[in-house]
């Protein structure tokens, strides 16, 4: 009898169904670094490039926040990328382990 189980892929190219709820995008390793880069660019623009007279009231705050956020970005971007690559390698290893079994 040639019966196939429903939890096994039909061919090598088929992906097994994901069990459980979909992953939360906030838990992605690159979420925080991208958010920090966006805030850094925003503070940098408001601090140094804007010509809006109303924003000149907040220029000191924006410059301080830019100087605070910039080192955080330089620290978090490489860490987020390395965590993302580790997750990808772990997922590929788990996929290979499932297909070999």
Protein backbone atom coordinates (compact mmCIF):
# COMPACT_ATOMS: atom_id res chain seq x y z
CA UNK A 1 0.00 0.00 0.00
CA UNK A 2 1.28 3.40 -0.94
CA UNK A 3 -0.29 5.63 1.69
CA UNK A 4 1.32 8.90 2.63
CA UNK A 5 0.90 10.58 5.97
CA UNK A 6 -0.58 14.07 6.02
CA UNK A 7 2.27 15.52 8.13
CA UNK A 8 4.98 14.47 5.66
CA UNK A 9 5.66 16.50 2.51
CA UNK A 10 4.48 14.93 -0.72
CA UNK A 11 7.72 15.71 -2.55
CA UNK A 12 11.13 17.14 -1.71
CA UNK A 13 10.06 20.67 -2.78
CA UNK A 14 6.92 20.80 -0.57
CA UNK A 15 7.14 22.62 2.74
CA UNK A 16 5.56 21.02 5.82
CA UNK A 17 2.67 22.95 7.32
CA UNK A 18 3.53 25.38 10.12
CA UNK A 19 2.05 24.40 13.43
CA UNK A 20 0.76 27.03 15.83
CA UNK A 21 0.18 30.72 15.38
CA UNK A 22 2.21 32.74 12.87
CA UNK A 23 5.39 34.29 14.22
CA UNK A 24 5.18 37.75 15.74
CA UNK A 25 7.15 40.35 13.71
CA UNK A 26 8.22 42.11 16.92
CA UNK A 27 10.30 39.04 17.83
CA UNK A 28 12.30 39.28 14.59
CA UNK A 29 16.01 39.91 15.34
CA UNK A 30 16.14 42.88 12.94
CA UNK A 31 13.05 44.66 14.29
CA UNK A 32 14.83 46.71 16.97
CA UNK A 33 17.85 47.68 14.82
CA UNK A 34 15.60 48.89 12.00
CA UNK A 35 13.49 50.85 14.49
CA UNK A 36 16.62 52.43 16.00
CA UNK A 37 17.93 53.41 12.55
CA UNK A 38 14.60 55.02 11.71
CA UNK A 39 14.60 57.06 14.94
CA UNK A 40 18.25 58.03 14.44
CA UNK A 41 17.53 59.28 10.93
CA UNK A 42 14.50 61.16 12.19
CA UNK A 43 16.42 62.85 15.02
CA UNK A 44 19.34 63.62 12.70
CA UNK A 45 17.07 65.23 10.13
CA UNK A 46 15.24 67.30 12.74
CA UNK A 47 18.49 68.28 14.46
CA UNK A 48 20.67 69.26 11.50
CA UNK A 49 18.77 69.43 8.20
CA UNK A 50 15.29 70.82 8.80
CA UNK A 51 14.43 74.40 7.89
CA UNK A 52 11.08 74.41 9.69
CA UNK A 53 11.13 77.32 12.19
CA UNK A 54 8.85 75.44 14.62
CA UNK A 55 11.37 72.59 14.88
CA UNK A 56 14.15 74.93 15.98
CA UNK A 57 12.52 74.96 19.43
CA UNK A 58 13.37 71.26 19.76
CA UNK A 59 16.78 71.37 18.09
CA UNK A 60 18.77 70.71 21.28
CA UNK A 61 16.62 67.71 22.21
CA UNK A 62 16.94 66.26 18.70
CA UNK A 63 20.73 66.70 18.71
CA UNK A 64 21.06 65.01 22.09
CA UNK A 65 18.81 62.12 21.03
CA UNK A 66 20.75 61.75 17.78
CA UNK A 67 23.99 61.45 19.75
CA UNK A 68 22.38 58.90 22.09
CA UNK A 69 20.82 56.80 19.31
CA UNK A 70 23.82 56.69 16.99
CA UNK A 71 26.04 54.47 19.23
CA UNK A 72 23.04 52.25 19.95
CA UNK A 73 22.59 51.73 16.21
CA UNK A 74 26.24 50.89 15.72
CA UNK A 75 25.98 48.28 18.48
CA UNK A 76 22.57 46.78 17.64
CA UNK A 77 22.84 46.48 13.84
CA UNK A 78 25.70 43.92 13.80
CA UNK A 79 24.12 42.04 16.71
CA UNK A 80 20.74 41.88 14.93
CA UNK A 81 22.31 40.71 11.68
CA UNK A 82 24.30 37.99 13.44
CA UNK A 83 21.19 36.80 15.33
CA UNK A 84 19.22 36.76 12.07
CA UNK A 85 21.91 34.68 10.34
CA UNK A 86 22.08 32.29 13.31
CA UNK A 87 18.30 31.84 13.16
CA UNK A 88 18.48 31.16 9.42
CA UNK A 89 21.24 28.57 9.90
CA UNK A 90 19.32 26.90 12.74
CA UNK A 91 16.17 26.74 10.61
CA UNK A 92 18.14 25.30 7.67
CA UNK A 93 19.75 22.71 9.96
CA UNK A 94 16.38 21.73 11.40
CA UNK A 95 14.94 21.46 7.89
CA UNK A 96 17.84 19.22 6.82
CA UNK A 97 17.35 17.12 9.96
CA UNK A 98 13.66 16.64 9.21
CA UNK A 99 14.26 15.73 5.58
CA UNK A 100 16.97 13.20 6.50
CA UNK A 101 14.76 11.43 9.04
